[in-house]
Amino acid sequence: MAITQTDPTVSTVTAVVAVRIPDGAGFDLMTEAEQRLAAIEGVRAVNIDGLREIQPGLSATVTTVAVTIEAIVTVDELRERLAETVCINAIDQLTSDAT
């Protein structure tokens, strides 16, 4: 039997967020959304679980994605940091996976 050690300071949350991707960005929309979310302070890892919606605009595309985020901050702190991030248009859902 393998023994694993988990880091108790890491929070895992699932979320549905709308990320604004400027036109002419270097990668595909999913990769761009993942990189923008991963750049938020306190985020350790991001996994895009699925694409929910794409809303093209004149200078940017708003991409709504379902994600799993590992963060080294509390869920409340993560929600606040997401809300303060310029490229995040909306946080439709943010749920802790803690049991």
PDB file of N, CA and C in Angstrom:
ATOM      1  N   MET A   1       0.845  -1.167   0.000  1.00  0.00           N
ATOM      2  CA  MET A   1       0.000   0.000   0.000  1.00  0.00           C
ATOM      3  C   MET A   1       0.896   1.238   0.000  1.00  0.00           C
ATOM      4  N   ALA A   2       0.582   2.145  -0.912  1.00  0.00           N
ATOM      5  CA  ALA A   2       1.345   3.379  -1.009  1.00  0.00           C
ATOM      6  C   ALA A   2       0.838   4.374   0.028  1.00  0.00           C
ATOM      7  N   ILE A   3       1.763   5.128   0.543  1.00  0.00           N
ATOM      8  CA  ILE A   3       1.413   6.179   1.499  1.00  0.00           C
ATOM      9  C   ILE A   3       1.636   7.507   0.795  1.00  0.00           C
ATOM     10  N   THR A   4       0.632   8.336   0.807  1.00  0.00           N
ATOM     11  CA  THR A   4       0.761   9.654   0.197  1.00  0.00           C
ATOM     12  C   THR A   4       0.566  10.703   1.268  1.00  0.00           C
ATOM     13  N   GLN A   5       1.241  11.791   1.074  1.00  0.00           N
ATOM     14  CA  GLN A   5       1.116  12.904   2.003  1.00  0.00           C
ATOM     15  C   GLN A   5       0.516  14.071   1.247  1.00  0.00           C
ATOM     16  N   THR A   6      -0.522  14.639   1.780  1.00  0.00           N
ATOM     17  CA  THR A   6      -1.139  15.793   1.138  1.00  0.00           C
ATOM     18  C   THR A   6      -0.756  17.050   1.886  1.00  0.00           C
ATOM     19  N   ASP A   7      -0.742  18.133   1.176  1.00  0.00           N
ATOM     20  CA  ASP A   7      -0.418  19.428   1.756  1.00  0.00           C
ATOM     21  C   ASP A   7      -1.707  20.043   2.299  1.00  0.00           C
ATOM     22  N   PRO A   8      -1.848  20.169   3.612  1.00  0.00           N
ATOM     23  CA  PRO A   8      -3.100  20.675   4.175  1.00  0.00           C
ATOM     24  C   PRO A   8      -3.370  22.142   3.848  1.00  0.00           C
ATOM     25  N   THR A   9      -2.388  22.849   3.331  1.00  0.00           N
ATOM     26  CA  THR A   9      -2.595  24.256   3.014  1.00  0.00           C
ATOM     27  C   THR A   9      -3.124  24.448   1.598  1.00  0.00           C
ATOM     28  N   VAL A  10      -3.285  23.373   0.840  1.00  0.00           N
ATOM     29  CA  VAL A  10      -3.766  23.475  -0.533  1.00  0.00           C
ATOM     30  C   VAL A  10      -5.276  23.253  -0.568  1.00  0.00           C
ATOM     31  N   SER A  11      -5.990  24.198  -1.163  1.00  0.00           N
ATOM     32  CA  SER A  11      -7.432  24.080  -1.350  1.00  0.00           C
ATOM     33  C   SER A  11      -7.683  23.678  -2.801  1.00  0.00           C
ATOM     34  N   THR A  12      -8.595  22.749  -2.995  1.00  0.00           N
ATOM     35  CA  THR A  12      -9.007  22.390  -4.347  1.00  0.00           C
ATOM     36  C   THR A  12     -10.440  22.845  -4.522  1.00  0.00           C
ATOM     37  N   VAL A  13     -10.679  23.629  -5.569  1.00  0.00           N
ATOM     38  CA  VAL A  13     -12.017  24.148  -5.836  1.00  0.00           C
ATOM     39  C   VAL A  13     -12.380  23.908  -7.292  1.00  0.00           C
ATOM     40  N   THR A  14     -13.658  23.758  -7.532  1.00  0.00           N
ATOM     41  CA  THR A  14     -14.160  23.752  -8.898  1.00  0.00           C
ATOM     42  C   THR A  14     -14.842  25.089  -9.116  1.00  0.00           C
ATOM     43  N   ALA A  15     -14.749  25.566 -10.333  1.00  0.00           N
ATOM     44  CA  ALA A  15     -15.306  26.882 -10.628  1.00  0.00           C
ATOM     45  C   ALA A  15     -15.781  26.945 -12.068  1.00  0.00           C
ATOM     46  N   VAL A  16     -16.680  27.875 -12.314  1.00  0.00           N
ATOM     47  CA  VAL A  16     -17.070  28.243 -13.666  1.00  0.00           C
ATOM     48  C   VAL A  16     -16.802  29.735 -13.753  1.00  0.00           C
ATOM     49  N   VAL A  17     -15.859  30.101 -14.619  1.00  0.00           N
ATOM     50  CA  VAL A  17     -15.459  31.502 -14.726  1.00  0.00           C
ATOM     51  C   VAL A  17     -15.450  31.940 -16.185  1.00  0.00           C
ATOM     52  N   ALA A  18     -15.721  33.214 -16.397  1.00  0.00           N
ATOM     53  CA  ALA A  18     -15.658  33.818 -17.717  1.00  0.00           C
ATOM     54  C   ALA A  18     -14.360  34.620 -17.795  1.00  0.00           C
ATOM     55  N   VAL A  19     -13.508  34.246 -18.746  1.00  0.00           N
ATOM     56  CA  VAL A  19     -12.192  34.858 -18.892  1.00  0.00           C
ATOM     57  C   VAL A  19     -12.153  35.621 -20.216  1.00  0.00           C
ATOM     58  N   ARG A  20     -11.731  36.884 -20.150  1.00  0.00           N
ATOM     59  CA  ARG A  20     -11.621  37.710 -21.349  1.00  0.00           C
ATOM     60  C   ARG A  20     -10.255  37.485 -21.995  1.00  0.00           C
ATOM     61  N   ILE A  21     -10.266  37.049 -23.260  1.00  0.00           N
ATOM     62  CA  ILE A  21      -9.048  36.773 -24.015  1.00  0.00           C
ATOM     63  C   ILE A  21      -8.955  37.802 -25.145  1.00  0.00           C
ATOM     64  N   PRO A  22      -7.923  38.658 -25.143  1.00  0.00           N
ATOM     65  CA  PRO A  22      -7.793  39.652 -26.206  1.00  0.00           C
ATOM     66  C   PRO A  22      -7.613  38.998 -27.572  1.00  0.00           C
ATOM     67  N   ASP A  23      -8.165  39.629 -28.598  1.00  0.00           N
ATOM     68  CA  ASP A  23      -7.952  39.143 -29.958  1.00  0.00           C
ATOM     69  C   ASP A  23      -6.461  39.137 -30.267  1.00  0.00           C
ATOM     70  N   GLY A  24      -6.019  38.169 -31.011  1.00  0.00           N
ATOM     71  CA  GLY A  24      -4.610  38.074 -31.376  1.00  0.00           C
ATOM     72  C   GLY A  24      -3.745  37.449 -30.298  1.00  0.00           C
ATOM     73  N   ALA A  25      -4.354  36.853 -29.274  1.00  0.00           N
ATOM     74  CA  ALA A  25      -3.573  36.178 -28.233  1.00  0.00           C
ATOM     75  C   ALA A  25      -2.817  35.024 -28.879  1.00  0.00           C
ATOM     76  N   GLY A  26      -1.729  34.626 -28.256  1.00  0.00           N
ATOM     77  CA  GLY A  26      -0.814  33.678 -28.868  1.00  0.00           C
ATOM     78  C   GLY A  26      -1.274  32.237 -28.956  1.00  0.00           C
ATOM     79  N   PHE A  27      -2.203  31.790 -28.132  1.00  0.00           N
ATOM     80  CA  PHE A  27      -2.595  30.387 -28.097  1.00  0.00           C
ATOM     81  C   PHE A  27      -4.090  30.253 -28.349  1.00  0.00           C
ATOM     82  N   ASP A  28      -4.588  29.026 -28.250  1.00  0.00           N
ATOM     83  CA  ASP A  28      -6.025  28.805 -28.369  1.00  0.00           C
ATOM     84  C   ASP A  28      -6.716  29.325 -27.105  1.00  0.00           C
ATOM     85  N   LEU A  29      -8.031  29.466 -27.168  1.00  0.00           N
ATOM     86  CA  LEU A  29      -8.788  30.063 -26.064  1.00  0.00           C
ATOM     87  C   LEU A  29      -8.642  29.296 -24.757  1.00  0.00           C
ATOM     88  N   MET A  30      -8.656  27.971 -24.825  1.00  0.00           N
ATOM     89  CA  MET A  30      -8.544  27.167 -23.602  1.00  0.00           C
ATOM     90  C   MET A  30      -7.184  27.365 -22.939  1.00  0.00           C
ATOM     91  N   THR A  31      -6.122  27.351 -23.724  1.00  0.00           N
ATOM     92  CA  THR A  31      -4.771  27.543 -23.182  1.00  0.00           C
ATOM     93  C   THR A  31      -4.628  28.940 -22.603  1.00  0.00           C
ATOM     94  N   GLU A  32      -5.154  29.934 -23.299  1.00  0.00           N
ATOM     95  CA  GLU A  32      -5.091  31.313 -22.812  1.00  0.00           C
ATOM     96  C   GLU A  32      -5.841  31.461 -21.493  1.00  0.00           C
ATOM     97  N   ALA A  33      -7.025  30.864 -21.390  1.00  0.00           N
ATOM     98  CA  ALA A  33      -7.804  30.935 -20.141  1.00  0.00           C
ATOM     99  C   ALA A  33      -7.026  30.269 -19.007  1.00  0.00           C
ATOM    100  N   GLU A  34      -6.450  29.113 -19.292  1.00  0.00           N
ATOM    101  CA  GLU A  34      -5.678  28.389 -18.279  1.00  0.00           C
ATOM    102  C   GLU A  34      -4.485  29.217 -17.801  1.00  0.00           C
ATOM    103  N   GLN A  35      -3.770  29.834 -18.728  1.00  0.00           N
ATOM    104  CA  GLN A  35      -2.597  30.639 -18.358  1.00  0.00           C
ATOM    105  C   GLN A  35      -2.992  31.866 -17.543  1.00  0.00           C
ATOM    106  N   ARG A  36      -4.081  32.513 -17.901  1.00  0.00           N
ATOM    107  CA  ARG A  36      -4.513  33.698 -17.161  1.00  0.00           C
ATOM    108  C   ARG A  36      -4.932  33.333 -15.734  1.00  0.00           C
ATOM    109  N   LEU A  37      -5.638  32.215 -15.583  1.00  0.00           N
ATOM    110  CA  LEU A  37      -6.037  31.774 -14.245  1.00  0.00           C
ATOM    111  C   LEU A  37      -4.832  31.331 -13.424  1.00  0.00           C
ATOM    112  N   ALA A  38      -3.880  30.659 -14.057  1.00  0.00           N
ATOM    113  CA  ALA A  38      -2.692  30.177 -13.347  1.00  0.00           C
ATOM    114  C   ALA A  38      -1.802  31.328 -12.884  1.00  0.00           C
ATOM    115  N   ALA A  39      -1.910  32.477 -13.515  1.00  0.00           N
ATOM    116  CA  ALA A  39      -1.077  33.627 -13.162  1.00  0.00           C
ATOM    117  C   ALA A  39      -1.575  34.367 -11.918  1.00  0.00           C
ATOM    118  N   ILE A  40      -2.745  34.025 -11.429  1.00  0.00           N
ATOM    119  CA  ILE A  40      -3.292  34.696 -10.252  1.00  0.00           C
ATOM    120  C   ILE A  40      -2.514  34.263  -9.017  1.00  0.00           C
ATOM    121  N   GLU A  41      -2.133  35.235  -8.204  1.00  0.00           N
ATOM    122  CA  GLU A  41      -1.356  34.954  -7.000  1.00  0.00           C
ATOM    123  C   GLU A  41      -2.121  34.000  -6.082  1.00  0.00           C
ATOM    124  N   GLY A  42      -1.427  32.968  -5.629  1.00  0.00           N
ATOM    125  CA  GLY A  42      -2.022  31.984  -4.743  1.00  0.00           C
ATOM    126  C   GLY A  42      -2.522  30.744  -5.453  1.00  0.00           C
ATOM    127  N   VAL A  43      -2.578  30.780  -6.789  1.00  0.00           N
ATOM    128  CA  VAL A  43      -3.013  29.619  -7.563  1.00  0.00           C
ATOM    129  C   VAL A  43      -1.797  28.751  -7.844  1.00  0.00           C
ATOM    130  N   ARG A  44      -1.908  27.474  -7.487  1.00  0.00           N
ATOM    131  CA  ARG A  44      -0.804  26.537  -7.681  1.00  0.00           C
ATOM    132  C   ARG A  44      -0.959  25.743  -8.976  1.00  0.00           C
ATOM    133  N   ALA A  45      -2.174  25.379  -9.348  1.00  0.00           N
ATOM    134  CA  ALA A  45      -2.418  24.607 -10.568  1.00  0.00           C
ATOM    135  C   ALA A  45      -3.833  24.868 -11.065  1.00  0.00           C
ATOM    136  N   VAL A  46      -3.997  24.785 -12.381  1.00  0.00           N
ATOM    137  CA  VAL A  46      -5.307  24.964 -13.011  1.00  0.00           C
ATOM    138  C   VAL A  46      -5.501  23.845 -14.019  1.00  0.00           C
ATOM    139  N   ASN A  47      -6.680  23.262 -14.011  1.00  0.00           N
ATOM    140  CA  ASN A  47      -7.029  22.261 -15.017  1.00  0.00           C
ATOM    141  C   ASN A  47      -8.369  22.660 -15.624  1.00  0.00           C
ATOM    142  N   ILE A  48      -8.398  22.869 -16.938  1.00  0.00           N
ATOM    143  CA  ILE A  48      -9.642  23.198 -17.613  1.00  0.00           C
ATOM    144  C   ILE A  48     -10.441  21.907 -17.766  1.00  0.00           C
ATOM    145  N   ASP A  49     -11.632  21.878 -17.182  1.00  0.00           N
ATOM    146  CA  ASP A  49     -12.481  20.691 -17.244  1.00  0.00           C
ATOM    147  C   ASP A  49     -13.414  20.707 -18.446  1.00  0.00           C
ATOM    148  N   GLY A  50     -13.703  21.886 -18.972  1.00  0.00           N
ATOM    149  CA  GLY A  50     -14.572  21.963 -20.143  1.00  0.00           C
ATOM    150  C   GLY A  50     -14.884  23.386 -20.537  1.00  0.00           C
ATOM    151  N   LEU A  51     -15.222  23.544 -21.791  1.00  0.00           N
ATOM    152  CA  LEU A  51     -15.609  24.831 -22.345  1.00  0.00           C
ATOM    153  C   LEU A  51     -17.119  24.955 -22.234  1.00  0.00           C
ATOM    154  N   ARG A  52     -17.605  26.053 -21.674  1.00  0.00           N
ATOM    155  CA  ARG A  52     -19.046  26.246 -21.487  1.00  0.00           C
ATOM    156  C   ARG A  52     -19.649  27.182 -22.541  1.00  0.00           C
ATOM    157  N   GLU A  53     -18.918  28.263 -22.859  1.00  0.00           N
ATOM    158  CA  GLU A  53     -19.485  29.257 -23.773  1.00  0.00           C
ATOM    159  C   GLU A  53     -18.376  30.122 -24.355  1.00  0.00           C
ATOM    160  N   ILE A  54     -18.598  30.586 -25.583  1.00  0.00           N
ATOM    161  CA  ILE A  54     -17.687  31.530 -26.233  1.00  0.00           C
ATOM    162  C   ILE A  54     -18.528  32.709 -26.704  1.00  0.00           C
ATOM    163  N   GLN A  55     -18.116  33.927 -26.302  1.00  0.00           N
ATOM    164  CA  GLN A  55     -18.801  35.145 -26.724  1.00  0.00           C
ATOM    165  C   GLN A  55     -17.798  36.053 -27.427  1.00  0.00           C
ATOM    166  N   PRO A  56     -17.763  36.033 -28.750  1.00  0.00           N
ATOM    167  CA  PRO A  56     -16.828  36.900 -29.471  1.00  0.00           C
ATOM    168  C   PRO A  56     -17.225  38.370 -29.328  1.00  0.00           C
ATOM    169  N   GLY A  57     -16.209  39.217 -29.241  1.00  0.00           N
ATOM    170  CA  GLY A  57     -16.435  40.649 -29.168  1.00  0.00           C
ATOM    171  C   GLY A  57     -15.555  41.354 -30.174  1.00  0.00           C
ATOM    172  N   LEU A  58     -15.573  42.681 -30.162  1.00  0.00           N
ATOM    173  CA  LEU A  58     -14.780  43.447 -31.115  1.00  0.00           C
ATOM    174  C   LEU A  58     -13.283  43.335 -30.856  1.00  0.00           C
ATOM    175  N   SER A  59     -12.866  43.363 -29.599  1.00  0.00           N
ATOM    176  CA  SER A  59     -11.431  43.328 -29.303  1.00  0.00           C
ATOM    177  C   SER A  59     -11.021  42.162 -28.412  1.00  0.00           C
ATOM    178  N   ALA A  60     -12.002  41.366 -27.968  1.00  0.00           N
ATOM    179  CA  ALA A  60     -11.697  40.234 -27.087  1.00  0.00           C
ATOM    180  C   ALA A  60     -12.826  39.208 -27.170  1.00  0.00           C
ATOM    181  N   THR A  61     -12.496  37.996 -26.805  1.00  0.00           N
ATOM    182  CA  THR A  61     -13.480  36.914 -26.724  1.00  0.00           C
ATOM    183  C   THR A  61     -13.613  36.517 -25.255  1.00  0.00           C
ATOM    184  N   VAL A  62     -14.847  36.452 -24.783  1.00  0.00           N
ATOM    185  CA  VAL A  62     -15.082  36.000 -23.413  1.00  0.00           C
ATOM    186  C   VAL A  62     -15.351  34.500 -23.480  1.00  0.00           C
ATOM    187  N   THR A  63     -14.481  33.758 -22.813  1.00  0.00           N
ATOM    188  CA  THR A  63     -14.547  32.302 -22.819  1.00  0.00           C
ATOM    189  C   THR A  63     -14.947  31.833 -21.422  1.00  0.00           C
ATOM    190  N   THR A  64     -16.075  31.163 -21.324  1.00  0.00           N
ATOM    191  CA  THR A  64     -16.526  30.633 -20.039  1.00  0.00           C
ATOM    192  C   THR A  64     -16.098  29.179 -19.952  1.00  0.00           C
ATOM    193  N   VAL A  65     -15.347  28.865 -18.886  1.00  0.00           N
ATOM    194  CA  VAL A  65     -14.790  27.523 -18.717  1.00  0.00           C
ATOM    195  C   VAL A  65     -15.102  26.980 -17.330  1.00  0.00           C
ATOM    196  N   ALA A  66     -15.221  25.661 -17.270  1.00  0.00           N
ATOM    197  CA  ALA A  66     -15.292  24.959 -15.996  1.00  0.00           C
ATOM    198  C   ALA A  66     -13.867  24.542 -15.670  1.00  0.00           C
ATOM    199  N   VAL A  67     -13.417  24.818 -14.452  1.00  0.00           N
ATOM    200  CA  VAL A  67     -12.031  24.547 -14.083  1.00  0.00           C
ATOM    201  C   VAL A  67     -11.944  23.910 -12.698  1.00  0.00           C
ATOM    202  N   THR A  68     -10.820  23.234 -12.475  1.00  0.00           N
ATOM    203  CA  THR A  68     -10.438  22.792 -11.141  1.00  0.00           C
ATOM    204  C   THR A  68      -9.166  23.558 -10.802  1.00  0.00           C
ATOM    205  N   ILE A  69      -9.173  24.219  -9.668  1.00  0.00           N
ATOM    206  CA  ILE A  69      -8.045  25.057  -9.260  1.00  0.00           C
ATOM    207  C   ILE A  69      -7.491  24.543  -7.940  1.00  0.00           C
ATOM    208  N   GLU A  70      -6.172  24.397  -7.879  1.00  0.00           N
ATOM    209  CA  GLU A  70      -5.487  24.125  -6.615  1.00  0.00           C
ATOM    210  C   GLU A  70      -4.876  25.447  -6.180  1.00  0.00           C
ATOM    211  N   ALA A  71      -5.205  25.876  -4.975  1.00  0.00           N
ATOM    212  CA  ALA A  71      -4.726  27.167  -4.487  1.00  0.00           C
ATOM    213  C   ALA A  71      -4.114  27.019  -3.099  1.00  0.00           C
ATOM    214  N   ILE A  72      -3.169  27.889  -2.808  1.00  0.00           N
ATOM    215  CA  ILE A  72      -2.532  27.888  -1.483  1.00  0.00           C
ATOM    216  C   ILE A  72      -3.128  28.990  -0.610  1.00  0.00           C
ATOM    217  N   VAL A  73      -4.341  29.400  -0.964  1.00  0.00           N
ATOM    218  CA  VAL A  73      -5.099  30.384  -0.197  1.00  0.00           C
ATOM    219  C   VAL A  73      -6.476  29.789   0.089  1.00  0.00           C
ATOM    220  N   THR A  74      -7.214  30.414   0.975  1.00  0.00           N
ATOM    221  CA  THR A  74      -8.559  29.932   1.280  1.00  0.00           C
ATOM    222  C   THR A  74      -9.487  30.182   0.096  1.00  0.00           C
ATOM    223  N   VAL A  75     -10.627  29.533   0.112  1.00  0.00           N
ATOM    224  CA  VAL A  75     -11.605  29.706  -0.957  1.00  0.00           C
ATOM    225  C   VAL A  75     -12.083  31.153  -1.019  1.00  0.00           C
ATOM    226  N   ASP A  76     -12.292  31.775   0.138  1.00  0.00           N
ATOM    227  CA  ASP A  76     -12.721  33.174   0.163  1.00  0.00           C
ATOM    228  C   ASP A  76     -11.663  34.097  -0.427  1.00  0.00           C
ATOM    229  N   GLU A  77     -10.391  33.842  -0.098  1.00  0.00           N
ATOM    230  CA  GLU A  77      -9.307  34.650  -0.660  1.00  0.00           C
ATOM    231  C   GLU A  77      -9.211  34.443  -2.173  1.00  0.00           C
ATOM    232  N   LEU A  78      -9.389  33.203  -2.609  1.00  0.00           N
ATOM    233  CA  LEU A  78      -9.346  32.929  -4.041  1.00  0.00           C
ATOM    234  C   LEU A  78     -10.469  33.653  -4.759  1.00  0.00           C
ATOM    235  N   ARG A  79     -11.667  33.623  -4.192  1.00  0.00           N
ATOM    236  CA  ARG A  79     -12.806  34.332  -4.796  1.00  0.00           C
ATOM    237  C   ARG A  79     -12.496  35.827  -4.928  1.00  0.00           C
ATOM    238  N   GLU A  80     -11.916  36.407  -3.883  1.00  0.00           N
ATOM    239  CA  GLU A  80     -11.569  37.828  -3.901  1.00  0.00           C
ATOM    240  C   GLU A  80     -10.520  38.127  -4.977  1.00  0.00           C
ATOM    241  N   ARG A  81      -9.507  37.286  -5.072  1.00  0.00           N
ATOM    242  CA  ARG A  81      -8.449  37.496  -6.072  1.00  0.00           C
ATOM    243  C   ARG A  81      -8.976  37.333  -7.491  1.00  0.00           C
ATOM    244  N   LEU A  82      -9.870  36.374  -7.700  1.00  0.00           N
ATOM    245  CA  LEU A  82     -10.486  36.224  -9.019  1.00  0.00           C
ATOM    246  C   LEU A  82     -11.296  37.471  -9.373  1.00  0.00           C
ATOM    247  N   ALA A  83     -12.067  37.968  -8.413  1.00  0.00           N
ATOM    248  CA  ALA A  83     -12.908  39.142  -8.645  1.00  0.00           C
ATOM    249  C   ALA A  83     -12.079  40.387  -8.960  1.00  0.00           C
ATOM    250  N   GLU A  84     -10.880  40.472  -8.403  1.00  0.00           N
ATOM    251  CA  GLU A  84     -10.012  41.633  -8.616  1.00  0.00           C
ATOM    252  C   GLU A  84      -9.190  41.547  -9.901  1.00  0.00           C
ATOM    253  N   THR A  85      -9.172  40.377 -10.540  1.00  0.00           N
ATOM    254  CA  THR A  85      -8.355  40.171 -11.726  1.00  0.00           C
ATOM    255  C   THR A  85      -9.047  40.770 -12.947  1.00  0.00           C
ATOM    256  N   VAL A  86      -8.310  41.584 -13.688  1.00  0.00           N
ATOM    257  CA  VAL A  86      -8.859  42.322 -14.819  1.00  0.00           C
ATOM    258  C   VAL A  86      -9.457  41.402 -15.882  1.00  0.00           C
ATOM    259  N   CYS A  87      -8.834  40.280 -16.175  1.00  0.00           N
ATOM    260  CA  CYS A  87      -9.301  39.424 -17.268  1.00  0.00           C
ATOM    261  C   CYS A  87     -10.488  38.537 -16.897  1.00  0.00           C
ATOM    262  N   ILE A  88     -10.912  38.542 -15.644  1.00  0.00           N
ATOM    263  CA  ILE A  88     -12.046  37.719 -15.224  1.00  0.00           C
ATOM    264  C   ILE A  88     -13.320  38.561 -15.314  1.00  0.00           C
ATOM    265  N   ASN A  89     -14.232  38.154 -16.193  1.00  0.00           N
ATOM    266  CA  ASN A  89     -15.484  38.889 -16.351  1.00  0.00           C
ATOM    267  C   ASN A  89     -16.542  38.466 -15.348  1.00  0.00           C
ATOM    268  N   ALA A  90     -16.582  37.176 -15.009  1.00  0.00           N
ATOM    269  CA  ALA A  90     -17.613  36.683 -14.092  1.00  0.00           C
ATOM    270  C   ALA A  90     -17.150  35.397 -13.421  1.00  0.00           C
ATOM    271  N   ILE A  91     -17.608  35.225 -12.197  1.00  0.00           N
ATOM    272  CA  ILE A  91     -17.399  33.982 -11.458  1.00  0.00           C
ATOM    273  C   ILE A  91     -18.794  33.415 -11.224  1.00  0.00           C
ATOM    274  N   ASP A  92     -19.163  32.436 -12.024  1.00  0.00           N
ATOM    275  CA  ASP A  92     -20.514  31.886 -11.925  1.00  0.00           C
ATOM    276  C   ASP A  92     -20.634  30.877 -10.798  1.00  0.00           C
ATOM    277  N   GLN A  93     -19.524  30.255 -10.455  1.00  0.00           N
ATOM    278  CA  GLN A  93     -19.557  29.214  -9.425  1.00  0.00           C
ATOM    279  C   GLN A  93     -18.144  29.052  -8.865  1.00  0.00           C
ATOM    280  N   LEU A  94     -18.035  28.851  -7.577  1.00  0.00           N
ATOM    281  CA  LEU A  94     -16.748  28.569  -6.945  1.00  0.00           C
ATOM    282  C   LEU A  94     -17.056  27.710  -5.724  1.00  0.00           C
ATOM    283  N   THR A  95     -16.731  26.434  -5.806  1.00  0.00           N
ATOM    284  CA  THR A  95     -17.110  25.474  -4.781  1.00  0.00           C
ATOM    285  C   THR A  95     -15.888  24.711  -4.292  1.00  0.00           C
ATOM    286  N   SER A  96     -15.727  24.644  -2.991  1.00  0.00           N
ATOM    287  CA  SER A  96     -14.630  23.879  -2.410  1.00  0.00           C
ATOM    288  C   SER A  96     -14.892  22.397  -2.569  1.00  0.00           C
ATOM    289  N   ASP A  97     -13.861  21.647  -2.905  1.00  0.00           N
ATOM    290  CA  ASP A  97     -13.971  20.196  -3.020  1.00  0.00           C
ATOM    291  C   ASP A  97     -13.650  19.506  -1.712  1.00  0.00           C
ATOM    292  N   ALA A  98     -13.459  20.258  -0.618  1.00  0.00           N
ATOM    293  CA  ALA A  98     -13.149  19.665   0.683  1.00  0.00           C
ATOM    294  C   ALA A  98     -14.317  18.810   1.156  1.00  0.00           C
ATOM    295  N   THR A  99     -13.957  17.685   1.749  1.00  0.00           N
ATOM    296  CA  THR A  99     -15.017  16.802   2.238  1.00  0.00           C
ATOM    297  C   THR A  99     -15.159  16.902   3.729  1.00  0.00           C
TER     298      THR A  99
END
